[in-house]
Amino acid sequence: MEQMIPVIPFWIMMTIGILLMAAEMLTMSFVLALFGAAFILTGITGFFVDFSSGETQLITAFTAGILLTLLLRKTLQQRIYHSKELEMETLTTGENGEVILTPDGDFRVAYKGTTWAIANPQDYSFEEGMHVTVVELKNNKAHIQIH
């Protein structure tokens, strides 16, 4: 068989793979990243396998890229784009907090590692150290209920 393209050095195959992976940041479709991985794998394989021509290397890289895309693209997209929303633990309510008195003379609620302004302090009479239930956290204020 006549050789149209000479054997491509491994570092060129690796460079093509890295450039494809870098270009993936623009598309976010995982196709370029998977083809980049295929080119890198083909470049590494060049250490162990004596390719007869550059055509064989390119066919190997493109075949591996197509296989990786068919096998992994959907799985990667589901894991990245359809991940479960993380609920911030500090925003969960329904637990007890402790009323504290600030140096300014304001009462605040110590709750989940931070202090919150009380939404309606005029409705209650507070003592420092009393325990309250935080019903809602809204606009950086704690809506509370006294036991």
N, C-alpha and C. Protein backbone atom coordinates (compact mmCIF):
# COMPACT_ATOMS: atom_id res chain seq x y z
N MET A 1 0.84 -1.18 0.00
CA MET A 1 0.00 0.00 0.00
C MET A 1 0.90 1.25 0.00
N GLU A 2 0.54 2.18 -0.84
CA GLU A 2 1.33 3.39 -0.94
C GLU A 2 1.03 4.31 0.24
N GLN A 3 2.07 4.88 0.80
CA GLN A 3 1.94 5.73 1.98
C GLN A 3 1.76 7.17 1.54
N MET A 4 0.57 7.74 1.78
CA MET A 4 0.29 9.13 1.40
C MET A 4 0.75 10.10 2.50
N ILE A 5 0.55 9.69 3.74
CA ILE A 5 0.94 10.53 4.87
C ILE A 5 1.98 9.77 5.68
N PRO A 6 3.12 10.39 5.94
CA PRO A 6 4.14 9.69 6.74
C PRO A 6 3.63 9.52 8.18
N VAL A 7 4.26 8.60 8.88
CA VAL A 7 3.89 8.35 10.28
C VAL A 7 4.01 9.65 11.06
N ILE A 8 2.96 9.95 11.81
CA ILE A 8 2.91 11.19 12.58
C ILE A 8 3.59 10.96 13.92
N PRO A 9 4.56 11.80 14.30
CA PRO A 9 5.23 11.61 15.59
C PRO A 9 4.23 11.69 16.76
N PHE A 10 4.56 10.94 17.81
CA PHE A 10 3.64 10.86 18.94
C PHE A 10 3.34 12.23 19.54
N TRP A 11 4.34 13.12 19.58
CA TRP A 11 4.12 14.41 20.21
C TRP A 11 3.15 15.28 19.41
N ILE A 12 3.10 15.08 18.11
CA ILE A 12 2.11 15.82 17.30
C ILE A 12 0.71 15.29 17.59
N MET A 13 0.58 13.97 17.69
CA MET A 13 -0.72 13.38 18.02
C MET A 13 -1.19 13.87 19.39
N MET A 14 -0.27 13.91 20.35
CA MET A 14 -0.60 14.37 21.70
C MET A 14 -0.99 15.86 21.68
N THR A 15 -0.27 16.66 20.90
CA THR A 15 -0.57 18.08 20.79
C THR A 15 -1.94 18.31 20.17
N ILE A 16 -2.26 17.55 19.13
CA ILE A 16 -3.59 17.66 18.52
C ILE A 16 -4.66 17.32 19.56
N GLY A 17 -4.42 16.27 20.34
CA GLY A 17 -5.38 15.88 21.37
C GLY A 17 -5.56 16.96 22.42
N ILE A 18 -4.48 17.56 22.86
CA ILE A 18 -4.57 18.62 23.87
C ILE A 18 -5.29 19.84 23.31
N LEU A 19 -4.99 20.19 22.05
CA LEU A 19 -5.68 21.33 21.43
C LEU A 19 -7.18 21.06 21.27
N LEU A 20 -7.53 19.83 20.91
CA LEU A 20 -8.96 19.49 20.81
C LEU A 20 -9.64 19.59 22.17
N MET A 21 -8.95 19.13 23.20
CA MET A 21 -9.53 19.21 24.54
C MET A 21 -9.67 20.67 25.00
N ALA A 22 -8.72 21.49 24.64
CA ALA A 22 -8.81 22.92 24.97
C ALA A 22 -9.96 23.58 24.21
N ALA A 23 -10.14 23.20 22.95
CA ALA A 23 -11.24 23.76 22.15
C ALA A 23 -12.60 23.32 22.70
N GLU A 24 -12.62 22.22 23.45
CA GLU A 24 -13.88 21.74 24.04
C GLU A 24 -14.49 22.77 24.97
N MET A 25 -13.67 23.59 25.58
CA MET A 25 -14.19 24.63 26.49
C MET A 25 -15.12 25.59 25.77
N LEU A 26 -15.01 25.70 24.47
CA LEU A 26 -15.88 26.60 23.71
C LEU A 26 -17.22 25.95 23.36
N THR A 27 -17.25 24.63 23.23
CA THR A 27 -18.47 23.97 22.77
C THR A 27 -19.26 23.31 23.87
N MET A 28 -18.60 22.76 24.89
CA MET A 28 -19.24 22.07 26.00
C MET A 28 -20.16 20.93 25.56
N SER A 29 -19.77 20.23 24.50
CA SER A 29 -20.57 19.11 24.01
C SER A 29 -19.89 17.77 24.22
N PHE A 30 -18.67 17.77 24.70
CA PHE A 30 -17.84 16.59 24.99
C PHE A 30 -17.32 15.89 23.73
N VAL A 31 -17.73 16.29 22.56
CA VAL A 31 -17.25 15.62 21.34
C VAL A 31 -15.77 15.92 21.14
N LEU A 32 -15.39 17.18 21.21
CA LEU A 32 -13.98 17.53 20.99
C LEU A 32 -13.09 16.94 22.08
N ALA A 33 -13.57 16.92 23.31
CA ALA A 33 -12.78 16.34 24.40
C ALA A 33 -12.56 14.85 24.18
N LEU A 34 -13.58 14.15 23.73
CA LEU A 34 -13.45 12.72 23.51
C LEU A 34 -12.55 12.41 22.30
N PHE A 35 -12.65 13.22 21.26
CA PHE A 35 -11.74 13.05 20.13
C PHE A 35 -10.31 13.43 20.53
N GLY A 36 -10.18 14.43 21.40
CA GLY A 36 -8.86 14.77 21.93
C GLY A 36 -8.26 13.62 22.71
N ALA A 37 -9.10 12.97 23.53
CA ALA A 37 -8.63 11.80 24.28
C ALA A 37 -8.22 10.68 23.32
N ALA A 38 -8.96 10.53 22.23
CA ALA A 38 -8.62 9.49 21.24
C ALA A 38 -7.28 9.78 20.58
N PHE A 39 -7.02 11.04 20.26
CA PHE A 39 -5.72 11.39 19.67
C PHE A 39 -4.59 11.16 20.66
N ILE A 40 -4.82 11.49 21.93
CA ILE A 40 -3.80 11.25 22.95
C ILE A 40 -3.55 9.76 23.10
N LEU A 41 -4.62 8.97 23.14
CA LEU A 41 -4.46 7.51 23.24
C LEU A 41 -3.72 6.95 22.04
N THR A 42 -4.02 7.47 20.86
CA THR A 42 -3.32 7.01 19.66
C THR A 42 -1.84 7.40 19.72
N GLY A 43 -1.55 8.60 20.22
CA GLY A 43 -0.16 9.01 20.39
C GLY A 43 0.58 8.12 21.36
N ILE A 44 -0.06 7.75 22.48
CA ILE A 44 0.56 6.85 23.45
C ILE A 44 0.74 5.46 22.85
N THR A 45 -0.26 5.03 22.09
CA THR A 45 -0.18 3.71 21.45
C THR A 45 1.00 3.64 20.49
N GLY A 46 1.38 4.78 19.93
CA GLY A 46 2.52 4.83 19.02
C GLY A 46 3.82 4.38 19.66
N PHE A 47 3.91 4.43 20.98
CA PHE A 47 5.10 3.92 21.67
C PHE A 47 5.19 2.40 21.59
N PHE A 48 4.05 1.75 21.55
CA PHE A 48 4.00 0.29 21.64
C PHE A 48 3.71 -0.40 20.30
N VAL A 49 3.04 0.32 19.40
CA VAL A 49 2.65 -0.26 18.11
C VAL A 49 3.37 0.51 17.01
N ASP A 50 3.89 -0.21 16.04
CA ASP A 50 4.56 0.42 14.91
C ASP A 50 3.52 0.66 13.81
N PHE A 51 3.00 1.90 13.73
CA PHE A 51 2.02 2.21 12.70
C PHE A 51 2.72 2.23 11.34
N SER A 52 2.02 1.72 10.33
CA SER A 52 2.63 1.65 9.01
C SER A 52 2.59 2.98 8.27
N SER A 53 1.60 3.82 8.60
CA SER A 53 1.48 5.12 7.92
C SER A 53 0.67 6.08 8.78
N GLY A 54 0.69 7.33 8.37
CA GLY A 54 -0.10 8.34 9.05
C GLY A 54 -1.59 8.11 8.88
N GLU A 55 -1.96 7.52 7.73
CA GLU A 55 -3.37 7.21 7.50
C GLU A 55 -3.89 6.25 8.57
N THR A 56 -3.08 5.24 8.88
CA THR A 56 -3.47 4.25 9.89
C THR A 56 -3.64 4.93 11.25
N GLN A 57 -2.74 5.85 11.56
CA GLN A 57 -2.86 6.56 12.83
C GLN A 57 -4.15 7.40 12.87
N LEU A 58 -4.42 8.12 11.80
CA LEU A 58 -5.61 8.96 11.77
C LEU A 58 -6.89 8.13 11.81
N ILE A 59 -6.91 7.02 11.09
CA ILE A 59 -8.09 6.14 11.11
C ILE A 59 -8.28 5.60 12.53
N THR A 60 -7.18 5.23 13.17
CA THR A 60 -7.26 4.73 14.55
C THR A 60 -7.80 5.82 15.48
N ALA A 61 -7.28 7.03 15.35
CA ALA A 61 -7.72 8.13 16.21
C ALA A 61 -9.19 8.46 15.98
N PHE A 62 -9.61 8.54 14.72
CA PHE A 62 -11.00 8.88 14.44
C PHE A 62 -11.95 7.75 14.85
N THR A 63 -11.54 6.51 14.66
CA THR A 63 -12.37 5.38 15.09
C THR A 63 -12.53 5.39 16.61
N ALA A 64 -11.42 5.60 17.31
CA ALA A 64 -11.48 5.66 18.77
C ALA A 64 -12.33 6.85 19.23
N GLY A 65 -12.21 7.97 18.52
CA GLY A 65 -13.01 9.14 18.86
C GLY A 65 -14.50 8.90 18.69
N ILE A 66 -14.86 8.24 17.60
CA ILE A 66 -16.28 7.92 17.35
C ILE A 66 -16.78 6.96 18.41
N LEU A 67 -15.98 5.94 18.73
CA LEU A 67 -16.41 4.97 19.75
C LEU A 67 -16.55 5.63 21.13
N LEU A 68 -15.58 6.45 21.50
CA LEU A 68 -15.68 7.14 22.78
C LEU A 68 -16.89 8.07 22.83
N THR A 69 -17.16 8.75 21.73
CA THR A 69 -18.31 9.65 21.68
C THR A 69 -19.61 8.87 21.81
N LEU A 70 -19.73 7.77 21.07
CA LEU A 70 -20.95 6.97 21.15
C LEU A 70 -21.14 6.34 22.52
N LEU A 71 -20.05 5.93 23.16
CA LEU A 71 -20.16 5.23 24.43
C LEU A 71 -20.26 6.16 25.64
N LEU A 72 -19.60 7.31 25.60
CA LEU A 72 -19.47 8.11 26.82
C LEU A 72 -20.17 9.46 26.82
N ARG A 73 -20.52 10.00 25.67
CA ARG A 73 -21.03 11.37 25.62
C ARG A 73 -22.29 11.55 26.44
N LYS A 74 -23.27 10.69 26.26
CA LYS A 74 -24.54 10.83 26.97
C LYS A 74 -24.33 10.71 28.49
N THR A 75 -23.49 9.76 28.89
CA THR A 75 -23.22 9.56 30.32
C THR A 75 -22.55 10.80 30.92
N LEU A 76 -21.57 11.36 30.22
CA LEU A 76 -20.88 12.55 30.71
C LEU A 76 -21.83 13.73 30.81
N GLN A 77 -22.68 13.91 29.81
CA GLN A 77 -23.62 15.03 29.84
C GLN A 77 -24.61 14.88 30.98
N GLN A 78 -25.09 13.67 31.23
CA GLN A 78 -26.03 13.47 32.34
C GLN A 78 -25.36 13.76 33.67
N ARG A 79 -24.13 13.33 33.83
CA ARG A 79 -23.43 13.56 35.10
C ARG A 79 -23.12 15.03 35.33
N ILE A 80 -22.79 15.74 34.29
CA ILE A 80 -22.40 17.14 34.45
C ILE A 80 -23.61 18.06 34.47
N TYR A 81 -24.51 17.93 33.51
CA TYR A 81 -25.58 18.91 33.35
C TYR A 81 -26.84 18.58 34.13
N HIS A 82 -27.03 17.35 34.53
CA HIS A 82 -28.25 16.97 35.23
C HIS A 82 -27.96 16.57 36.67
N SER A 83 -26.97 17.20 37.27
CA SER A 83 -26.64 16.86 38.64
C SER A 83 -27.70 17.43 39.58
N LYS A 84 -27.84 16.81 40.71
CA LYS A 84 -28.85 17.19 41.69
C LYS A 84 -28.48 18.53 42.31
N GLU A 85 -29.46 19.37 42.51
CA GLU A 85 -29.24 20.64 43.17
C GLU A 85 -28.79 20.41 44.60
N LEU A 86 -27.77 21.13 45.00
CA LEU A 86 -27.30 21.03 46.37
C LEU A 86 -28.03 22.05 47.23
N GLU A 87 -28.58 21.59 48.32
CA GLU A 87 -29.27 22.48 49.22
C GLU A 87 -28.27 22.97 50.25
N MET A 88 -28.23 24.27 50.43
CA MET A 88 -27.32 24.81 51.41
C MET A 88 -27.84 24.49 52.80
N GLU A 89 -27.00 23.85 53.58
CA GLU A 89 -27.41 23.42 54.91
C GLU A 89 -27.79 24.61 55.79
N THR A 90 -27.15 25.74 55.58
CA THR A 90 -27.44 26.89 56.44
C THR A 90 -28.82 27.49 56.15
N LEU A 91 -29.43 27.15 55.03
CA LEU A 91 -30.74 27.72 54.71
C LEU A 91 -31.90 26.81 55.10
N THR A 92 -31.62 25.65 55.67
CA THR A 92 -32.70 24.80 56.13
C THR A 92 -33.24 25.37 57.43
N THR A 93 -34.53 25.23 57.64
CA THR A 93 -35.15 25.82 58.82
C THR A 93 -35.87 24.74 59.62
N GLY A 94 -36.47 25.19 60.72
CA GLY A 94 -37.22 24.28 61.56
C GLY A 94 -36.45 23.79 62.76
N GLU A 95 -35.24 24.26 62.94
CA GLU A 95 -34.43 23.84 64.08
C GLU A 95 -34.27 25.00 65.06
N ASN A 96 -33.70 24.69 66.21
CA ASN A 96 -33.56 25.68 67.27
C ASN A 96 -32.35 26.57 67.05
N GLY A 97 -32.49 27.82 67.45
CA GLY A 97 -31.41 28.78 67.47
C GLY A 97 -31.38 29.45 68.82
N GLU A 98 -30.33 30.21 69.08
CA GLU A 98 -30.19 30.87 70.38
C GLU A 98 -30.15 32.38 70.18
N VAL A 99 -30.90 33.10 71.00
CA VAL A 99 -30.93 34.55 70.92
C VAL A 99 -29.68 35.08 71.60
N ILE A 100 -28.98 35.99 70.91
CA ILE A 100 -27.81 36.62 71.48
C ILE A 100 -27.98 38.14 71.43
N LEU A 101 -27.28 38.81 72.31
CA LEU A 101 -27.32 40.27 72.37
C LEU A 101 -26.01 40.79 71.80
N THR A 102 -26.08 41.64 70.80
CA THR A 102 -24.87 42.19 70.18
C THR A 102 -24.38 43.37 71.02
N PRO A 103 -23.13 43.80 70.82
CA PRO A 103 -22.63 44.98 71.55
C PRO A 103 -23.43 46.24 71.24
N ASP A 104 -24.14 46.26 70.10
CA ASP A 104 -24.96 47.41 69.74
C ASP A 104 -26.29 47.42 70.48
N GLY A 105 -26.60 46.34 71.20
CA GLY A 105 -27.87 46.26 71.91
C GLY A 105 -28.97 45.60 71.09
N ASP A 106 -28.64 45.05 69.91
CA ASP A 106 -29.63 44.38 69.08
C ASP A 106 -29.64 42.89 69.42
N PHE A 107 -30.83 42.30 69.32
CA PHE A 107 -30.94 40.86 69.49
C PHE A 107 -30.84 40.19 68.13
N ARG A 108 -30.06 39.11 68.07
CA ARG A 108 -29.90 38.32 66.86
C ARG A 108 -30.06 36.86 67.21
N VAL A 109 -30.23 36.01 66.18
CA VAL A 109 -30.37 34.57 66.41
C VAL A 109 -29.10 33.88 65.90
N ALA A 110 -28.45 33.13 66.78
CA ALA A 110 -27.32 32.30 66.37
C ALA A 110 -27.91 30.99 65.85
N TYR A 111 -27.70 30.73 64.53
CA TYR A 111 -28.33 29.58 63.90
C TYR A 111 -27.43 29.05 62.80
N LYS A 112 -27.11 27.76 62.86
CA LYS A 112 -26.31 27.07 61.84
C LYS A 112 -24.98 27.77 61.57
N GLY A 113 -24.31 28.21 62.62
CA GLY A 113 -22.97 28.75 62.47
C GLY A 113 -22.89 30.21 62.11
N THR A 114 -24.00 30.92 62.04
CA THR A 114 -23.96 32.34 61.76
C THR A 114 -25.05 33.03 62.57
N THR A 115 -25.02 34.34 62.60
CA THR A 115 -26.08 35.06 63.31
C THR A 115 -26.97 35.74 62.29
N TRP A 116 -28.24 35.77 62.61
CA TRP A 116 -29.24 36.33 61.72
C TRP A 116 -30.00 37.42 62.46
N ALA A 117 -30.30 38.51 61.74
CA ALA A 117 -31.17 39.53 62.30
C ALA A 117 -32.56 38.92 62.46
N ILE A 118 -33.28 39.36 63.47
CA ILE A 118 -34.63 38.84 63.70
C ILE A 118 -35.60 39.69 62.89
N ALA A 119 -36.48 39.02 62.15
CA ALA A 119 -37.37 39.71 61.21
C ALA A 119 -38.36 40.64 61.93
N ASN A 120 -38.88 40.20 63.05
CA ASN A 120 -39.90 41.00 63.73
C ASN A 120 -39.59 41.09 65.23
N PRO A 121 -38.51 41.79 65.60
CA PRO A 121 -38.10 41.82 67.01
C PRO A 121 -39.11 42.54 67.92
N GLN A 122 -39.91 43.45 67.37
CA GLN A 122 -40.87 44.20 68.17
C GLN A 122 -42.03 43.32 68.67
N ASP A 123 -42.23 42.16 68.08
CA ASP A 123 -43.34 41.29 68.46
C ASP A 123 -43.03 40.43 69.68
N TYR A 124 -41.77 40.38 70.09
CA TYR A 124 -41.37 39.50 71.19
C TYR A 124 -40.53 40.27 72.20
N SER A 125 -40.48 39.75 73.41
CA SER A 125 -39.51 40.26 74.38
C SER A 125 -38.46 39.17 74.54
N PHE A 126 -37.21 39.55 74.38
CA PHE A 126 -36.13 38.59 74.35
C PHE A 126 -35.27 38.67 75.58
N GLU A 127 -34.64 37.57 75.88
CA GLU A 127 -33.58 37.49 76.88
C GLU A 127 -32.42 36.78 76.21
N GLU A 128 -31.23 37.22 76.52
CA GLU A 128 -30.06 36.58 75.93
C GLU A 128 -29.99 35.12 76.37
N GLY A 129 -29.73 34.24 75.41
CA GLY A 129 -29.60 32.81 75.69
C GLY A 129 -30.89 32.02 75.53
N MET A 130 -32.01 32.68 75.31
CA MET A 130 -33.25 31.93 75.14
C MET A 130 -33.26 31.19 73.80
N HIS A 131 -33.93 30.07 73.76
CA HIS A 131 -33.98 29.25 72.55
C HIS A 131 -35.27 29.52 71.78
N VAL A 132 -35.12 29.64 70.47
CA VAL A 132 -36.26 29.89 69.57
C VAL A 132 -36.17 28.92 68.41
N THR A 133 -37.28 28.74 67.71
CA THR A 133 -37.30 27.93 66.50
C THR A 133 -37.27 28.86 65.30
N VAL A 134 -36.35 28.61 64.38
CA VAL A 134 -36.26 29.41 63.16
C VAL A 134 -37.23 28.80 62.15
N VAL A 135 -38.25 29.57 61.80
CA VAL A 135 -39.30 29.10 60.91
C VAL A 135 -38.93 29.34 59.45
N GLU A 136 -38.29 30.50 59.19
CA GLU A 136 -37.96 30.86 57.80
C GLU A 136 -36.77 31.79 57.80
N LEU A 137 -35.93 31.66 56.78
CA LEU A 137 -34.83 32.59 56.54
C LEU A 137 -35.11 33.30 55.23
N LYS A 138 -35.31 34.61 55.33
CA LYS A 138 -35.68 35.36 54.13
C LYS A 138 -35.07 36.75 54.21
N ASN A 139 -34.44 37.18 53.13
CA ASN A 139 -33.81 38.50 53.05
C ASN A 139 -32.84 38.73 54.20
N ASN A 140 -32.04 37.74 54.51
CA ASN A 140 -31.04 37.79 55.57
C ASN A 140 -31.62 38.04 56.95
N LYS A 141 -32.87 37.67 57.13
CA LYS A 141 -33.51 37.79 58.44
C LYS A 141 -34.16 36.47 58.81
N ALA A 142 -34.14 36.18 60.11
CA ALA A 142 -34.73 34.95 60.61
C ALA A 142 -36.13 35.24 61.13
N HIS A 143 -37.10 34.51 60.62
CA HIS A 143 -38.45 34.55 61.15
C HIS A 143 -38.51 33.46 62.20
N ILE A 144 -38.85 33.86 63.42
CA ILE A 144 -38.73 32.92 64.53
C ILE A 144 -40.06 32.66 65.20
N GLN A 145 -40.02 31.64 66.05
CA GLN A 145 -41.18 31.30 66.88
C GLN A 145 -40.61 30.95 68.26
N ILE A 146 -41.17 31.56 69.30
CA ILE A 146 -40.70 31.30 70.67
C ILE A 146 -41.38 30.07 71.18
N HIS A 147 -40.62 29.23 71.89
CA HIS A 147 -41.18 27.98 72.43
C HIS A 147 -42.21 28.25 73.46
